[in-house]
Amino acid sequence: GPGDEHSLTHFNIEAGEDIHWLPRH
């Protein structure tokens, strides 16, 4: 579901990504 991507993002950050979120509103 949509929230799953957020809960798994720590793996991307550990790999060196800089993640930001921009809700459409």
PDB file of all heavy atoms in Angstrom:
ATOM      1  N   GLY A   1       0.826  -1.200   0.000  1.00  0.00           N
ATOM      2  CA  GLY A   1       0.000   0.000   0.000  1.00  0.00           C
ATOM      3  C   GLY A   1       0.859   1.249   0.000  1.00  0.00           C
ATOM      4  O   GLY A   1       2.090   1.179   0.104  1.00  0.00           O
ATOM      5  N   PRO A   2       0.224   2.436  -0.105  1.00  0.00           N
ATOM      6  CA  PRO A   2       0.956   3.687  -0.202  1.00  0.00           C
ATOM      7  C   PRO A   2       1.903   3.947   0.975  1.00  0.00           C
ATOM      8  O   PRO A   2       2.963   4.491   0.801  1.00  0.00           O
ATOM      9  CB  PRO A   2      -0.149   4.746  -0.259  1.00  0.00           C
ATOM     10  CG  PRO A   2      -1.355   4.016  -0.741  1.00  0.00           C
ATOM     11  CD  PRO A   2      -1.208   2.610  -0.244  1.00  0.00           C
ATOM     12  N   GLY A   3       1.545   3.550   2.191  1.00  0.00           N
ATOM     13  CA  GLY A   3       2.404   3.799   3.342  1.00  0.00           C
ATOM     14  C   GLY A   3       3.620   2.896   3.396  1.00  0.00           C
ATOM     15  O   GLY A   3       4.583   3.171   4.100  1.00  0.00           O
ATOM     16  N   ASP A   4       3.574   1.775   2.658  1.00  0.00           N
ATOM     17  CA  ASP A   4       4.682   0.839   2.689  1.00  0.00           C
ATOM     18  C   ASP A   4       5.964   1.459   2.152  1.00  0.00           C
ATOM     19  O   ASP A   4       7.043   1.200   2.671  1.00  0.00           O
ATOM     20  CB  ASP A   4       4.343  -0.417   1.889  1.00  0.00           C
ATOM     21  CG  ASP A   4       3.208  -1.210   2.519  1.00  0.00           C
ATOM     22  OD1 ASP A   4       3.055  -1.152   3.753  1.00  0.00           O
ATOM     23  OD2 ASP A   4       2.470  -1.864   1.777  1.00  0.00           O
ATOM     24  N   GLU A   5       5.863   2.244   1.117  1.00  0.00           N
ATOM     25  CA  GLU A   5       7.063   2.861   0.550  1.00  0.00           C
ATOM     26  C   GLU A   5       7.764   3.724   1.598  1.00  0.00           C
ATOM     27  O   GLU A   5       8.980   3.673   1.743  1.00  0.00           O
ATOM     28  CB  GLU A   5       6.711   3.694  -0.675  1.00  0.00           C
ATOM     29  CG  GLU A   5       7.935   4.247  -1.358  1.00  0.00           C
ATOM     30  CD  GLU A   5       7.621   4.937  -2.666  1.00  0.00           C
ATOM     31  OE1 GLU A   5       6.506   4.843  -3.175  1.00  0.00           O
ATOM     32  OE2 GLU A   5       8.536   5.597  -3.180  1.00  0.00           O
ATOM     33  N   HIS A   6       6.999   4.491   2.351  1.00  0.00           N
ATOM     34  CA  HIS A   6       7.585   5.340   3.391  1.00  0.00           C
ATOM     35  C   HIS A   6       8.276   4.491   4.459  1.00  0.00           C
ATOM     36  O   HIS A   6       9.386   4.806   4.890  1.00  0.00           O
ATOM     37  CB  HIS A   6       6.508   6.229   4.024  1.00  0.00           C
ATOM     38  CG  HIS A   6       7.049   7.141   5.061  1.00  0.00           C
ATOM     39  ND1 HIS A   6       7.087   6.799   6.391  1.00  0.00           N
ATOM     40  CD2 HIS A   6       7.584   8.381   4.972  1.00  0.00           C
ATOM     41  CE1 HIS A   6       7.618   7.783   7.095  1.00  0.00           C
ATOM     42  NE2 HIS A   6       7.938   8.754   6.247  1.00  0.00           N
ATOM     43  N   SER A   7       7.647   3.415   4.882  1.00  0.00           N
ATOM     44  CA  SER A   7       8.214   2.597   5.962  1.00  0.00           C
ATOM     45  C   SER A   7       9.486   1.866   5.532  1.00  0.00           C
ATOM     46  O   SER A   7      10.279   1.465   6.389  1.00  0.00           O
ATOM     47  CB  SER A   7       7.174   1.601   6.474  1.00  0.00           C
ATOM     48  OG  SER A   7       6.904   0.613   5.501  1.00  0.00           O
ATOM     49  N   LEU A   8       9.700   1.694   4.257  1.00  0.00           N
ATOM     50  CA  LEU A   8      10.886   0.995   3.761  1.00  0.00           C
ATOM     51  C   LEU A   8      11.987   1.940   3.283  1.00  0.00           C
ATOM     52  O   LEU A   8      13.059   1.495   2.879  1.00  0.00           O
ATOM     53  CB  LEU A   8      10.488   0.054   2.623  1.00  0.00           C
ATOM     54  CG  LEU A   8       9.500  -1.054   3.012  1.00  0.00           C
ATOM     55  CD1 LEU A   8       9.080  -1.838   1.780  1.00  0.00           C
ATOM     56  CD2 LEU A   8      10.101  -1.972   4.064  1.00  0.00           C
ATOM     57  N   THR A   9      11.736   3.236   3.349  1.00  0.00           N
ATOM     58  CA  THR A   9      12.682   4.218   2.814  1.00  0.00           C
ATOM     59  C   THR A   9      14.008   4.223   3.558  1.00  0.00           C
ATOM     60  O   THR A   9      15.034   4.610   2.997  1.00  0.00           O
ATOM     61  CB  THR A   9      12.042   5.619   2.816  1.00  0.00           C
ATOM     62  OG1 THR A   9      10.886   5.572   1.985  1.00  0.00           O
ATOM     63  CG2 THR A   9      12.967   6.686   2.280  1.00  0.00           C
ATOM     64  N   HIS A  10      14.024   3.773   4.794  1.00  0.00           N
ATOM     65  CA  HIS A  10      15.282   3.775   5.544  1.00  0.00           C
ATOM     66  C   HIS A  10      16.360   2.967   4.825  1.00  0.00           C
ATOM     67  O   HIS A  10      17.552   3.280   4.933  1.00  0.00           O
ATOM     68  CB  HIS A  10      15.075   3.284   6.984  1.00  0.00           C
ATOM     69  CG  HIS A  10      14.665   1.847   7.091  1.00  0.00           C
ATOM     70  ND1 HIS A  10      15.584   0.839   7.254  1.00  0.00           N
ATOM     71  CD2 HIS A  10      13.445   1.258   7.048  1.00  0.00           C
ATOM     72  CE1 HIS A  10      14.941  -0.323   7.319  1.00  0.00           C
ATOM     73  NE2 HIS A  10      13.638  -0.089   7.191  1.00  0.00           N
ATOM     74  N   PHE A  11      15.967   1.960   4.044  1.00  0.00           N
ATOM     75  CA  PHE A  11      16.954   1.198   3.275  1.00  0.00           C
ATOM     76  C   PHE A  11      17.613   2.086   2.214  1.00  0.00           C
ATOM     77  O   PHE A  11      18.816   2.009   1.989  1.00  0.00           O
ATOM     78  CB  PHE A  11      16.307  -0.016   2.604  1.00  0.00           C
ATOM     79  CG  PHE A  11      15.850  -1.068   3.577  1.00  0.00           C
ATOM     80  CD1 PHE A  11      14.501  -1.359   3.700  1.00  0.00           C
ATOM     81  CD2 PHE A  11      16.760  -1.754   4.364  1.00  0.00           C
ATOM     82  CE1 PHE A  11      14.069  -2.335   4.589  1.00  0.00           C
ATOM     83  CE2 PHE A  11      16.336  -2.729   5.262  1.00  0.00           C
ATOM     84  CZ  PHE A  11      14.982  -3.022   5.385  1.00  0.00           C
ATOM     85  N   ASN A  12      16.830   2.936   1.561  1.00  0.00           N
ATOM     86  CA  ASN A  12      17.383   3.855   0.562  1.00  0.00           C
ATOM     87  C   ASN A  12      18.322   4.865   1.213  1.00  0.00           C
ATOM     88  O   ASN A  12      19.365   5.215   0.659  1.00  0.00           O
ATOM     89  CB  ASN A  12      16.258   4.594  -0.159  1.00  0.00           C
ATOM     90  CG  ASN A  12      15.337   3.649  -0.898  1.00  0.00           C
ATOM     91  OD1 ASN A  12      14.559   2.949  -0.272  1.00  0.00           O
ATOM     92  ND2 ASN A  12      15.420   3.634  -2.210  1.00  0.00           N
ATOM     93  N   ILE A  13      17.945   5.353   2.387  1.00  0.00           N
ATOM     94  CA  ILE A  13      18.770   6.330   3.092  1.00  0.00           C
ATOM     95  C   ILE A  13      20.082   5.692   3.527  1.00  0.00           C
ATOM     96  O   ILE A  13      21.155   6.292   3.394  1.00  0.00           O
ATOM     97  CB  ILE A  13      17.986   6.940   4.265  1.00  0.00           C
ATOM     98  CG1 ILE A  13      16.859   7.819   3.696  1.00  0.00           C
ATOM     99  CG2 ILE A  13      18.894   7.733   5.195  1.00  0.00           C
ATOM    100  CD1 ILE A  13      15.869   8.304   4.696  1.00  0.00           C
ATOM    101  N   GLU A  14      20.003   4.461   4.024  1.00  0.00           N
ATOM    102  CA  GLU A  14      21.224   3.737   4.412  1.00  0.00           C
ATOM    103  C   GLU A  14      22.154   3.535   3.218  1.00  0.00           C
ATOM    104  O   GLU A  14      23.366   3.466   3.377  1.00  0.00           O
ATOM    105  CB  GLU A  14      20.868   2.402   5.046  1.00  0.00           C
ATOM    106  CG  GLU A  14      20.212   2.544   6.410  1.00  0.00           C
ATOM    107  CD  GLU A  14      19.595   1.246   6.916  1.00  0.00           C
ATOM    108  OE1 GLU A  14      19.815   0.174   6.298  1.00  0.00           O
ATOM    109  OE2 GLU A  14      18.877   1.316   7.929  1.00  0.00           O
ATOM    110  N   ALA A  15      21.586   3.465   2.019  1.00  0.00           N
ATOM    111  CA  ALA A  15      22.388   3.294   0.802  1.00  0.00           C
ATOM    112  C   ALA A  15      22.915   4.621   0.270  1.00  0.00           C
ATOM    113  O   ALA A  15      23.617   4.656  -0.732  1.00  0.00           O
ATOM    114  CB  ALA A  15      21.563   2.593  -0.270  1.00  0.00           C
ATOM    115  N   GLY A  16      22.543   5.741   0.934  1.00  0.00           N
ATOM    116  CA  GLY A  16      23.101   7.036   0.551  1.00  0.00           C
ATOM    117  C   GLY A  16      22.151   7.990  -0.134  1.00  0.00           C
ATOM    118  O   GLY A  16      22.557   9.086  -0.514  1.00  0.00           O
ATOM    119  N   GLU A  17      20.883   7.617  -0.309  1.00  0.00           N
ATOM    120  CA  GLU A  17      19.935   8.531  -0.938  1.00  0.00           C
ATOM    121  C   GLU A  17      19.513   9.621   0.039  1.00  0.00           C
ATOM    122  O   GLU A  17      19.450   9.410   1.243  1.00  0.00           O
ATOM    123  CB  GLU A  17      18.686   7.785  -1.402  1.00  0.00           C
ATOM    124  CG  GLU A  17      18.866   7.030  -2.677  1.00  0.00           C
ATOM    125  CD  GLU A  17      17.535   6.514  -3.206  1.00  0.00           C
ATOM    126  OE1 GLU A  17      16.688   7.347  -3.589  1.00  0.00           O
ATOM    127  OE2 GLU A  17      17.361   5.282  -3.228  1.00  0.00           O
ATOM    128  N   ASP A  18      19.224  10.778  -0.494  1.00  0.00           N
ATOM    129  CA  ASP A  18      18.650  11.892   0.266  1.00  0.00           C
ATOM    130  C   ASP A  18      17.189  11.987  -0.159  1.00  0.00           C
ATOM    131  O   ASP A  18      16.887  12.433  -1.260  1.00  0.00           O
ATOM    132  CB  ASP A  18      19.392  13.189  -0.047  1.00  0.00           C
ATOM    133  CG  ASP A  18      18.935  14.354   0.806  1.00  0.00           C
ATOM    134  OD1 ASP A  18      18.174  14.138   1.778  1.00  0.00           O
ATOM    135  OD2 ASP A  18      19.335  15.486   0.505  1.00  0.00           O
ATOM    136  N   ILE A  19      16.295  11.534   0.688  1.00  0.00           N
ATOM    137  CA  ILE A  19      14.873  11.418   0.342  1.00  0.00           C
ATOM    138  C   ILE A  19      14.088  12.574   0.947  1.00  0.00           C
ATOM    139  O   ILE A  19      14.208  12.873   2.135  1.00  0.00           O
ATOM    140  CB  ILE A  19      14.279  10.096   0.869  1.00  0.00           C
ATOM    141  CG1 ILE A  19      15.094   8.897   0.413  1.00  0.00           C
ATOM    142  CG2 ILE A  19      12.807   9.981   0.497  1.00  0.00           C
ATOM    143  CD1 ILE A  19      14.938   8.507  -1.022  1.00  0.00           C
ATOM    144  N   HIS A  20      13.302  13.225   0.114  1.00  0.00           N
ATOM    145  CA  HIS A  20      12.345  14.242   0.549  1.00  0.00           C
ATOM    146  C   HIS A  20      10.981  13.848  -0.001  1.00  0.00           C
ATOM    147  O   HIS A  20      10.890  13.195  -1.029  1.00  0.00           O
ATOM    148  CB  HIS A  20      12.714  15.624  -0.007  1.00  0.00           C
ATOM    149  CG  HIS A  20      13.855  16.276   0.689  1.00  0.00           C
ATOM    150  ND1 HIS A  20      15.122  15.743   0.732  1.00  0.00           N
ATOM    151  CD2 HIS A  20      13.919  17.445   1.366  1.00  0.00           C
ATOM    152  CE1 HIS A  20      15.916  16.557   1.395  1.00  0.00           C
ATOM    153  NE2 HIS A  20      15.210  17.591   1.802  1.00  0.00           N
ATOM    154  N   TRP A  21       9.940  14.274   0.683  1.00  0.00           N
ATOM    155  CA  TRP A  21       8.563  13.984   0.277  1.00  0.00           C
ATOM    156  C   TRP A  21       7.842  15.295   0.030  1.00  0.00           C
ATOM    157  O   TRP A  21       8.021  16.258   0.774  1.00  0.00           O
ATOM    158  CB  TRP A  21       7.842  13.217   1.385  1.00  0.00           C
ATOM    159  CG  TRP A  21       8.490  11.915   1.721  1.00  0.00           C
ATOM    160  CD1 TRP A  21       9.529  11.710   2.586  1.00  0.00           C
ATOM    161  CD2 TRP A  21       8.165  10.635   1.191  1.00  0.00           C
ATOM    162  NE1 TRP A  21       9.859  10.381   2.630  1.00  0.00           N
ATOM    163  CE2 TRP A  21       9.027   9.699   1.782  1.00  0.00           C
ATOM    164  CE3 TRP A  21       7.215  10.193   0.275  1.00  0.00           C
ATOM    165  CZ2 TRP A  21       8.982   8.337   1.482  1.00  0.00           C
ATOM    166  CZ3 TRP A  21       7.169   8.838  -0.007  1.00  0.00           C
ATOM    167  CH2 TRP A  21       8.042   7.929   0.587  1.00  0.00           C
ATOM    168  N   LEU A  22       7.025  15.331  -1.006  1.00  0.00           N
ATOM    169  CA  LEU A  22       6.228  16.517  -1.291  1.00  0.00           C
ATOM    170  C   LEU A  22       4.785  16.093  -1.561  1.00  0.00           C
ATOM    171  O   LEU A  22       4.457  15.688  -2.673  1.00  0.00           O
ATOM    172  CB  LEU A  22       6.785  17.303  -2.478  1.00  0.00           C
ATOM    173  CG  LEU A  22       6.063  18.612  -2.769  1.00  0.00           C
ATOM    174  CD1 LEU A  22       6.148  19.575  -1.587  1.00  0.00           C
ATOM    175  CD2 LEU A  22       6.613  19.260  -4.014  1.00  0.00           C
ATOM    176  N   PRO A  23       3.945  16.156  -0.542  1.00  0.00           N
ATOM    177  CA  PRO A  23       2.535  15.839  -0.770  1.00  0.00           C
ATOM    178  C   PRO A  23       1.956  16.792  -1.813  1.00  0.00           C
ATOM    179  O   PRO A  23       2.288  17.979  -1.846  1.00  0.00           O
ATOM    180  CB  PRO A  23       1.884  16.061   0.598  1.00  0.00           C
ATOM    181  CG  PRO A  23       3.008  16.022   1.576  1.00  0.00           C
ATOM    182  CD  PRO A  23       4.210  16.529   0.845  1.00  0.00           C
ATOM    183  N   ARG A  24       1.114  16.274  -2.658  1.00  0.00           N
ATOM    184  CA  ARG A  24       0.573  17.077  -3.758  1.00  0.00           C
ATOM    185  C   ARG A  24      -0.170  18.316  -3.278  1.00  0.00           C
ATOM    186  O   ARG A  24      -0.185  19.323  -3.960  1.00  0.00           O
ATOM    187  CB  ARG A  24      -0.301  16.208  -4.652  1.00  0.00           C
ATOM    188  CG  ARG A  24       0.543  15.186  -5.407  1.00  0.00           C
ATOM    189  CD  ARG A  24      -0.287  14.275  -6.271  1.00  0.00           C
ATOM    190  NE  ARG A  24       0.509  13.180  -6.755  1.00  0.00           N
ATOM    191  CZ  ARG A  24       1.012  13.106  -7.975  1.00  0.00           C
ATOM    192  NH1 ARG A  24       0.811  14.066  -8.832  1.00  0.00           N
ATOM    193  NH2 ARG A  24       1.724  12.059  -8.331  1.00  0.00           N
ATOM    194  N   HIS A  25      -0.757  18.265  -2.079  1.00  0.00           N
ATOM    195  CA  HIS A  25      -1.472  19.450  -1.592  1.00  0.00           C
ATOM    196  C   HIS A  25      -0.524  20.594  -1.241  1.00  0.00           C
ATOM    197  O   HIS A  25      -0.964  21.722  -1.057  1.00  0.00           O
ATOM    198  CB  HIS A  25      -2.389  19.099  -0.402  1.00  0.00           C
ATOM    199  CG  HIS A  25      -1.664  18.815   0.872  1.00  0.00           C
ATOM    200  ND1 HIS A  25      -1.192  17.552   1.184  1.00  0.00           N
ATOM    201  CD2 HIS A  25      -1.340  19.620   1.898  1.00  0.00           C
ATOM    202  CE1 HIS A  25      -0.595  17.610   2.363  1.00  0.00           C
ATOM    203  NE2 HIS A  25      -0.667  18.845   2.814  1.00  0.00           N
TER     204      HIS A  25
END
